[in-house]
Amino acid sequence: MSTTDTSGSKEMSFAEKQAERMKKLRSLHNARNEARTQNHQEVVAEEARNKLPSNYEAKRRQAEWLMDDQTKREEASKQGKDYDRVKLLNISAIEAERLERKKKKKNPDQGFSTYEQATVRQYNRLVKNMPQADMEQYEKQKEKYGDAFYGGPNVIIHGMHKDRKEAVDKMVDDLEGQIAKRAKYSRRRTHNDDADIDYINERNAKFNKKLERFYGEHTAEIKQNLERGTAI
């Protein structure tokens, strides 16, 4: 009896070990399948990333920032607050100066050099401010004029098209805006070669002119004493 019991206990122990081995084998098999699936997903994701433009991440971050900025702007508008003012209150002076430099660098005012460049600048500004095209109106005109819609050497367009009142009013408003803008420009001051040079660069010269304009009458006597060498 004792031998049989011993033999039976050995057989049960072997079966348990076999079951444990099979359990580990299935676990390894599942882990291998899971790793294979993850590797395949990573390969597919990497291939998709490689097909994206090189500046995709920067564009995505910019789009997220614009959406967040628009949401905050709408919330400030609902509360009756000036969002630009609120935003400036939450950034440091250094950051505000950096943003201003970046803005000027992005769209520098190169001033007037030639009539050709001035015309190009005005053209780009007008095109940028143009409203979105009315495709419905475009299709109506295309259907109405037929082959004459695109013009040609043998097509007389004069008298066929009638300007809309809204378009004329918009042109008049734009011209009046240009006239008002030009009226704000101040004429360029001529340089006086006989004037005293009390500056080291153009920026310093402008600063000195501001000081003279606001404090010149109060410091005239001190300045004269310094020039005569009689100041205490």
C-alpha atoms as a PDB file:
ATOM      1  CA  MET A   1       0.000   0.000   0.000  1.00  0.00           C
ATOM      2  CA  SER A   2       2.761   2.383   0.872  1.00  0.00           C
ATOM      3  CA  THR A   3       4.515   1.786  -2.465  1.00  0.00           C
ATOM      4  CA  THR A   4       1.372   2.455  -4.449  1.00  0.00           C
ATOM      5  CA  ASP A   5       0.690   5.593  -2.542  1.00  0.00           C
ATOM      6  CA  THR A   6       4.218   6.738  -3.125  1.00  0.00           C
ATOM      7  CA  SER A   7       3.916   5.981  -6.856  1.00  0.00           C
ATOM      8  CA  GLY A   8       0.597   7.825  -7.058  1.00  0.00           C
ATOM      9  CA  SER A   9       2.011  10.859  -5.343  1.00  0.00           C
ATOM     10  CA  LYS A  10       4.932  10.912  -7.780  1.00  0.00           C
ATOM     11  CA  GLU A  11       2.577  10.743 -10.772  1.00  0.00           C
ATOM     12  CA  MET A  12       0.489  13.657  -9.409  1.00  0.00           C
ATOM     13  CA  SER A  13       3.634  15.683  -8.816  1.00  0.00           C
ATOM     14  CA  PHE A  14       4.757  15.072 -12.398  1.00  0.00           C
ATOM     15  CA  ALA A  15       1.340  16.091 -13.764  1.00  0.00           C
ATOM     16  CA  GLU A  16       1.405  19.291 -11.741  1.00  0.00           C
ATOM     17  CA  LYS A  17       4.880  20.089 -13.054  1.00  0.00           C
ATOM     18  CA  GLN A  18       3.706  19.407 -16.588  1.00  0.00           C
ATOM     19  CA  ALA A  19       0.719  21.711 -16.129  1.00  0.00           C
ATOM     20  CA  GLU A  20       2.975  24.425 -14.724  1.00  0.00           C
ATOM     21  CA  ARG A  21       5.281  24.117 -17.735  1.00  0.00           C
ATOM     22  CA  MET A  22       2.345  24.376 -20.123  1.00  0.00           C
ATOM     23  CA  LYS A  23       1.065  27.415 -18.252  1.00  0.00           C
ATOM     24  CA  LYS A  24       4.448  29.142 -18.563  1.00  0.00           C
ATOM     25  CA  LEU A  25       4.629  28.148 -22.240  1.00  0.00           C
ATOM     26  CA  ARG A  26       1.219  29.682 -22.952  1.00  0.00           C
ATOM     27  CA  SER A  27       2.255  32.819 -21.046  1.00  0.00           C
ATOM     28  CA  LEU A  28       5.431  33.153 -23.147  1.00  0.00           C
ATOM     29  CA  HIS A  29       3.438  32.497 -26.296  1.00  0.00           C
ATOM     30  CA  ASN A  30       0.939  35.243 -25.407  1.00  0.00           C
ATOM     31  CA  ALA A  31       3.751  37.651 -24.501  1.00  0.00           C
ATOM     32  CA  ARG A  32       5.423  36.954 -27.868  1.00  0.00           C
ATOM     33  CA  ASN A  33       2.165  37.602 -29.754  1.00  0.00           C
ATOM     34  CA  GLU A  34       1.611  40.811 -27.795  1.00  0.00           C
ATOM     35  CA  ALA A  35       5.153  42.013 -28.525  1.00  0.00           C
ATOM     36  CA  ARG A  36       4.701  41.142 -32.205  1.00  0.00           C
ATOM     37  CA  THR A  37       1.459  43.149 -32.322  1.00  0.00           C
ATOM     38  CA  GLN A  38       3.054  46.153 -30.596  1.00  0.00           C
ATOM     39  CA  ASN A  39       6.035  46.036 -32.938  1.00  0.00           C
ATOM     40  CA  HIS A  40       3.730  45.973 -35.934  1.00  0.00           C
ATOM     41  CA  GLN A  41       1.778  48.958 -34.596  1.00  0.00           C
ATOM     42  CA  GLU A  42       5.010  50.890 -34.012  1.00  0.00           C
ATOM     43  CA  VAL A  43       6.204  50.125 -37.553  1.00  0.00           C
ATOM     44  CA  VAL A  44       2.904  51.329 -39.013  1.00  0.00           C
ATOM     45  CA  ALA A  45       2.961  54.481 -36.832  1.00  0.00           C
ATOM     46  CA  GLU A  46       6.583  55.238 -37.760  1.00  0.00           C
ATOM     47  CA  GLU A  47       5.817  54.798 -41.459  1.00  0.00           C
ATOM     48  CA  ALA A  48       2.880  57.178 -41.103  1.00  0.00           C
ATOM     49  CA  ARG A  49       5.105  59.724 -39.311  1.00  0.00           C
ATOM     50  CA  ASN A  50       7.713  59.506 -42.054  1.00  0.00           C
ATOM     51  CA  LYS A  51       5.072  60.383 -44.640  1.00  0.00           C
ATOM     52  CA  LEU A  52       4.138  63.573 -42.764  1.00  0.00           C
ATOM     53  CA  PRO A  53       5.773  66.933 -43.640  1.00  0.00           C
ATOM     54  CA  SER A  54       8.950  67.824 -41.782  1.00  0.00           C
ATOM     55  CA  ASN A  55       7.227  70.715 -39.998  1.00  0.00           C
ATOM     56  CA  TYR A  56       4.147  68.706 -38.990  1.00  0.00           C
ATOM     57  CA  GLU A  57       4.851  68.844 -35.253  1.00  0.00           C
ATOM     58  CA  ALA A  58       5.424  72.602 -35.337  1.00  0.00           C
ATOM     59  CA  LYS A  59       2.216  73.078 -37.333  1.00  0.00           C
ATOM     60  CA  ARG A  60       0.292  70.872 -34.901  1.00  0.00           C
ATOM     61  CA  ARG A  61       1.554  72.811 -31.875  1.00  0.00           C
ATOM     62  CA  GLN A  62       0.719  76.088 -33.605  1.00  0.00           C
ATOM     63  CA  ALA A  63      -2.803  74.868 -34.423  1.00  0.00           C
ATOM     64  CA  GLU A  64      -3.348  73.778 -30.813  1.00  0.00           C
ATOM     65  CA  TRP A  65      -2.099  77.152 -29.552  1.00  0.00           C
ATOM     66  CA  LEU A  66      -4.391  79.025 -31.957  1.00  0.00           C
ATOM     67  CA  MET A  67      -7.399  76.973 -30.868  1.00  0.00           C
ATOM     68  CA  ASP A  68      -6.594  77.564 -27.197  1.00  0.00           C
ATOM     69  CA  ASP A  69      -6.020  81.271 -27.840  1.00  0.00           C
ATOM     70  CA  GLN A  70      -9.340  81.555 -29.689  1.00  0.00           C
ATOM     71  CA  THR A  71     -11.165  79.796 -26.828  1.00  0.00           C
ATOM     72  CA  LYS A  72      -9.675  82.174 -24.264  1.00  0.00           C
ATOM     73  CA  ARG A  73     -10.495  85.163 -26.467  1.00  0.00           C
ATOM     74  CA  GLU A  74     -14.152  84.074 -26.695  1.00  0.00           C
ATOM     75  CA  GLU A  75     -14.313  83.579 -22.916  1.00  0.00           C
ATOM     76  CA  ALA A  76     -12.874  87.057 -22.327  1.00  0.00           C
ATOM     77  CA  SER A  77     -15.364  88.518 -24.809  1.00  0.00           C
ATOM     78  CA  LYS A  78     -18.258  86.922 -22.935  1.00  0.00           C
ATOM     79  CA  GLN A  79     -16.975  88.449 -19.698  1.00  0.00           C
ATOM     80  CA  GLY A  80     -16.652  91.872 -21.333  1.00  0.00           C
ATOM     81  CA  LYS A  81     -12.855  91.978 -21.034  1.00  0.00           C
ATOM     82  CA  ASP A  82     -10.185  93.065 -23.491  1.00  0.00           C
ATOM     83  CA  TYR A  83      -8.358  89.802 -24.169  1.00  0.00           C
ATOM     84  CA  ASP A  84      -5.194  91.441 -25.556  1.00  0.00           C
ATOM     85  CA  ARG A  85      -4.889  93.529 -22.386  1.00  0.00           C
ATOM     86  CA  VAL A  86      -5.543  90.517 -20.143  1.00  0.00           C
ATOM     87  CA  LYS A  87      -2.919  88.495 -22.010  1.00  0.00           C
ATOM     88  CA  LEU A  88      -0.307  91.240 -21.647  1.00  0.00           C
ATOM     89  CA  LEU A  89      -0.953  91.409 -17.898  1.00  0.00           C
ATOM     90  CA  ASN A  90       0.023  87.730 -17.590  1.00  0.00           C
ATOM     91  CA  ILE A  91       3.407  87.914 -19.324  1.00  0.00           C
ATOM     92  CA  SER A  92       6.650  89.538 -18.295  1.00  0.00           C
ATOM     93  CA  ALA A  93       8.097  92.684 -19.851  1.00  0.00           C
ATOM     94  CA  ILE A  94      10.955  90.647 -21.355  1.00  0.00           C
ATOM     95  CA  GLU A  95       8.522  88.266 -23.031  1.00  0.00           C
ATOM     96  CA  ALA A  96       6.412  91.177 -24.323  1.00  0.00           C
ATOM     97  CA  GLU A  97       9.526  92.805 -25.811  1.00  0.00           C
ATOM     98  CA  ARG A  98      10.539  89.510 -27.439  1.00  0.00           C
ATOM     99  CA  LEU A  99       7.093  89.130 -29.025  1.00  0.00           C
ATOM    100  CA  GLU A 100       7.232  92.707 -30.304  1.00  0.00           C
ATOM    101  CA  ARG A 101      10.664  92.113 -31.875  1.00  0.00           C
ATOM    102  CA  LYS A 102       9.389  88.908 -33.461  1.00  0.00           C
ATOM    103  CA  LYS A 103       6.362  90.743 -34.852  1.00  0.00           C
ATOM    104  CA  LYS A 104       8.528  93.474 -36.385  1.00  0.00           C
ATOM    105  CA  LYS A 105      10.930  90.909 -37.815  1.00  0.00           C
ATOM    106  CA  LYS A 106       8.054  88.980 -39.383  1.00  0.00           C
ATOM    107  CA  ASN A 107       6.593  92.022 -41.110  1.00  0.00           C
ATOM    108  CA  PRO A 108       9.290  94.702 -41.231  1.00  0.00           C
ATOM    109  CA  ASP A 109       8.394  98.116 -42.547  1.00  0.00           C
ATOM    110  CA  GLN A 110      11.041  98.668 -45.186  1.00  0.00           C
ATOM    111  CA  GLY A 111       9.688 102.102 -46.010  1.00  0.00           C
ATOM    112  CA  PHE A 112       9.522 103.606 -49.472  1.00  0.00           C
ATOM    113  CA  SER A 113      12.376 102.996 -51.880  1.00  0.00           C
ATOM    114  CA  THR A 114      10.873 102.860 -55.384  1.00  0.00           C
ATOM    115  CA  TYR A 115       7.418 103.295 -56.875  1.00  0.00           C
ATOM    116  CA  GLU A 116       7.554  99.707 -58.100  1.00  0.00           C
ATOM    117  CA  GLN A 117       8.129  98.280 -54.614  1.00  0.00           C
ATOM    118  CA  ALA A 118       5.461 100.578 -53.151  1.00  0.00           C
ATOM    119  CA  THR A 119       2.997  99.290 -55.752  1.00  0.00           C
ATOM    120  CA  VAL A 120       3.886  95.674 -54.933  1.00  0.00           C
ATOM    121  CA  ARG A 121       3.380  96.302 -51.207  1.00  0.00           C
ATOM    122  CA  GLN A 122       0.002  97.908 -51.817  1.00  0.00           C
ATOM    123  CA  TYR A 123      -1.032  95.054 -54.111  1.00  0.00           C
ATOM    124  CA  ASN A 124      -0.091  92.426 -51.499  1.00  0.00           C
ATOM    125  CA  ARG A 125      -1.963  94.356 -48.814  1.00  0.00           C
ATOM    126  CA  LEU A 126      -5.106  94.632 -50.944  1.00  0.00           C
ATOM    127  CA  VAL A 127      -4.990  90.943 -51.880  1.00  0.00           C
ATOM    128  CA  LYS A 128      -4.514  89.982 -48.229  1.00  0.00           C
ATOM    129  CA  ASN A 129      -7.566  92.029 -47.204  1.00  0.00           C
ATOM    130  CA  MET A 130      -9.780  90.662 -49.975  1.00  0.00           C
ATOM    131  CA  PRO A 131     -12.865  88.799 -48.711  1.00  0.00           C
ATOM    132  CA  GLN A 132     -13.430  85.147 -49.507  1.00  0.00           C
ATOM    133  CA  ALA A 133     -14.587  84.540 -53.078  1.00  0.00           C
ATOM    134  CA  ASP A 134     -18.335  84.205 -53.596  1.00  0.00           C
ATOM    135  CA  MET A 135     -18.386  81.019 -55.671  1.00  0.00           C
ATOM    136  CA  GLU A 136     -22.166  81.188 -56.141  1.00  0.00           C
ATOM    137  CA  GLN A 137     -21.887  84.640 -57.722  1.00  0.00           C
ATOM    138  CA  TYR A 138     -18.890  83.425 -59.745  1.00  0.00           C
ATOM    139  CA  GLU A 139     -20.881  80.535 -61.233  1.00  0.00           C
ATOM    140  CA  LYS A 140     -23.843  82.828 -62.015  1.00  0.00           C
ATOM    141  CA  GLN A 141     -21.621  85.262 -63.938  1.00  0.00           C
ATOM    142  CA  LYS A 142     -19.881  82.393 -65.714  1.00  0.00           C
ATOM    143  CA  GLU A 143     -23.230  81.014 -66.849  1.00  0.00           C
ATOM    144  CA  LYS A 144     -24.526  84.465 -67.823  1.00  0.00           C
ATOM    145  CA  TYR A 145     -21.588  85.607 -69.996  1.00  0.00           C
ATOM    146  CA  GLY A 146     -20.666  82.237 -71.472  1.00  0.00           C
ATOM    147  CA  ASP A 147     -17.489  82.349 -73.600  1.00  0.00           C
ATOM    148  CA  ALA A 148     -17.151  86.082 -72.964  1.00  0.00           C
ATOM    149  CA  PHE A 149     -16.609  85.414 -69.259  1.00  0.00           C
ATOM    150  CA  TYR A 150     -12.880  84.790 -69.779  1.00  0.00           C
ATOM    151  CA  GLY A 151     -12.503  87.503 -72.404  1.00  0.00           C
ATOM    152  CA  GLY A 152     -10.299  87.234 -75.452  1.00  0.00           C
ATOM    153  CA  PRO A 153      -8.877  89.192 -78.377  1.00  0.00           C
ATOM    154  CA  ASN A 154     -12.237  89.288 -80.197  1.00  0.00           C
ATOM    155  CA  VAL A 155     -14.514  89.872 -77.177  1.00  0.00           C
ATOM    156  CA  ILE A 156     -15.836  93.324 -76.263  1.00  0.00           C
ATOM    157  CA  ILE A 157     -16.470  93.284 -72.515  1.00  0.00           C
ATOM    158  CA  HIS A 158     -17.310  96.977 -72.161  1.00  0.00           C
ATOM    159  CA  GLY A 159     -20.956  97.438 -71.210  1.00  0.00           C
ATOM    160  CA  MET A 160     -21.541  93.769 -70.374  1.00  0.00           C
ATOM    161  CA  HIS A 161     -20.670  93.939 -66.698  1.00  0.00           C
ATOM    162  CA  LYS A 162     -22.470  96.137 -64.198  1.00  0.00           C
ATOM    163  CA  ASP A 163     -20.735  96.933 -60.911  1.00  0.00           C
ATOM    164  CA  ARG A 164     -22.693  96.204 -57.751  1.00  0.00           C
ATOM    165  CA  LYS A 165     -23.396  99.013 -55.323  1.00  0.00           C
ATOM    166  CA  GLU A 166     -21.747  97.056 -52.481  1.00  0.00           C
ATOM    167  CA  ALA A 167     -18.538  96.703 -54.516  1.00  0.00           C
ATOM    168  CA  VAL A 168     -18.482 100.416 -55.372  1.00  0.00           C
ATOM    169  CA  ASP A 169     -19.053 101.395 -51.730  1.00  0.00           C
ATOM    170  CA  LYS A 170     -16.255  99.070 -50.649  1.00  0.00           C
ATOM    171  CA  MET A 171     -13.858 100.628 -53.165  1.00  0.00           C
ATOM    172  CA  VAL A 172     -14.785 104.138 -51.995  1.00  0.00           C
ATOM    173  CA  ASP A 173     -14.259 103.193 -48.341  1.00  0.00           C
ATOM    174  CA  ASP A 174     -10.869 101.705 -49.171  1.00  0.00           C
ATOM    175  CA  LEU A 175      -9.768 104.815 -51.087  1.00  0.00           C
ATOM    176  CA  GLU A 176     -10.920 107.093 -48.265  1.00  0.00           C
ATOM    177  CA  GLY A 177      -8.996 104.917 -45.809  1.00  0.00           C
ATOM    178  CA  GLN A 178      -5.841 105.256 -47.921  1.00  0.00           C
ATOM    179  CA  ILE A 179      -6.243 109.048 -48.051  1.00  0.00           C
ATOM    180  CA  ALA A 180      -6.742 109.215 -44.271  1.00  0.00           C
ATOM    181  CA  LYS A 181      -3.692 107.021 -43.722  1.00  0.00           C
ATOM    182  CA  ARG A 182      -1.477 109.168 -45.955  1.00  0.00           C
ATOM    183  CA  ALA A 183      -2.651 112.286 -44.110  1.00  0.00           C
ATOM    184  CA  LYS A 184      -1.156 110.902 -40.885  1.00  0.00           C
ATOM    185  CA  TYR A 185       2.334 110.619 -42.349  1.00  0.00           C
ATOM    186  CA  SER A 186       4.660 113.413 -41.361  1.00  0.00           C
ATOM    187  CA  ARG A 187       7.099 114.838 -43.841  1.00  0.00           C
ATOM    188  CA  ARG A 188      10.735 113.821 -43.532  1.00  0.00           C
ATOM    189  CA  ARG A 189      12.805 116.466 -41.754  1.00  0.00           C
ATOM    190  CA  THR A 190      15.893 117.612 -43.570  1.00  0.00           C
ATOM    191  CA  HIS A 191      19.183 117.208 -41.793  1.00  0.00           C
ATOM    192  CA  ASN A 192      20.833 120.407 -40.574  1.00  0.00           C
ATOM    193  CA  ASP A 193      24.592 120.130 -41.031  1.00  0.00           C
ATOM    194  CA  ASP A 194      25.209 123.225 -38.843  1.00  0.00           C
ATOM    195  CA  ALA A 195      23.370 121.820 -35.820  1.00  0.00           C
ATOM    196  CA  ASP A 196      25.362 120.676 -32.789  1.00  0.00           C
ATOM    197  CA  ILE A 197      26.088 116.956 -32.676  1.00  0.00           C
ATOM    198  CA  ASP A 198      25.060 115.822 -29.198  1.00  0.00           C
ATOM    199  CA  TYR A 199      24.273 112.184 -30.028  1.00  0.00           C
ATOM    200  CA  ILE A 200      26.153 108.990 -30.781  1.00  0.00           C
ATOM    201  CA  ASN A 201      23.594 107.313 -33.062  1.00  0.00           C
ATOM    202  CA  GLU A 202      20.168 107.882 -34.605  1.00  0.00           C
ATOM    203  CA  ARG A 203      18.296 106.383 -31.667  1.00  0.00           C
ATOM    204  CA  ASN A 204      20.156 108.605 -29.228  1.00  0.00           C
ATOM    205  CA  ALA A 205      19.400 111.636 -31.441  1.00  0.00           C
ATOM    206  CA  LYS A 206      15.651 110.923 -31.275  1.00  0.00           C
ATOM    207  CA  PHE A 207      15.862 110.505 -27.503  1.00  0.00           C
ATOM    208  CA  ASN A 208      17.687 113.816 -27.132  1.00  0.00           C
ATOM    209  CA  LYS A 209      15.028 115.545 -29.226  1.00  0.00           C
ATOM    210  CA  LYS A 210      12.316 114.203 -26.926  1.00  0.00           C
ATOM    211  CA  LEU A 211      14.225 115.449 -23.880  1.00  0.00           C
ATOM    212  CA  GLU A 212      14.629 118.861 -25.488  1.00  0.00           C
ATOM    213  CA  ARG A 213      10.954 119.046 -26.355  1.00  0.00           C
ATOM    214  CA  PHE A 214       9.757 118.278 -22.822  1.00  0.00           C
ATOM    215  CA  TYR A 215      12.539 119.677 -20.614  1.00  0.00           C
ATOM    216  CA  GLY A 216      14.398 122.123 -22.852  1.00  0.00           C
ATOM    217  CA  GLU A 217      12.884 125.272 -21.355  1.00  0.00           C
ATOM    218  CA  HIS A 218      13.664 124.086 -17.815  1.00  0.00           C
ATOM    219  CA  THR A 219      17.282 123.142 -18.511  1.00  0.00           C
ATOM    220  CA  ALA A 220      18.268 125.962 -20.890  1.00  0.00           C
ATOM    221  CA  GLU A 221      20.146 127.909 -18.204  1.00  0.00           C
ATOM    222  CA  ILE A 222      21.995 124.822 -16.944  1.00  0.00           C
ATOM    223  CA  LYS A 223      23.015 123.959 -20.499  1.00  0.00           C
ATOM    224  CA  GLN A 224      24.331 127.475 -21.122  1.00  0.00           C
ATOM    225  CA  ASN A 225      26.337 127.396 -17.884  1.00  0.00           C
ATOM    226  CA  LEU A 226      27.862 124.086 -18.850  1.00  0.00           C
ATOM    227  CA  GLU A 227      28.826 125.419 -22.276  1.00  0.00           C
ATOM    228  CA  ARG A 228      30.402 128.542 -20.735  1.00  0.00           C
ATOM    229  CA  GLY A 229      32.075 126.513 -18.033  1.00  0.00           C
ATOM    230  CA  THR A 230      30.486 128.549 -15.240  1.00  0.00           C
ATOM    231  CA  ALA A 231      28.325 125.778 -13.819  1.00  0.00           C
ATOM    232  CA  ILE A 232      28.786 125.054 -10.122  1.00  0.00           C
END
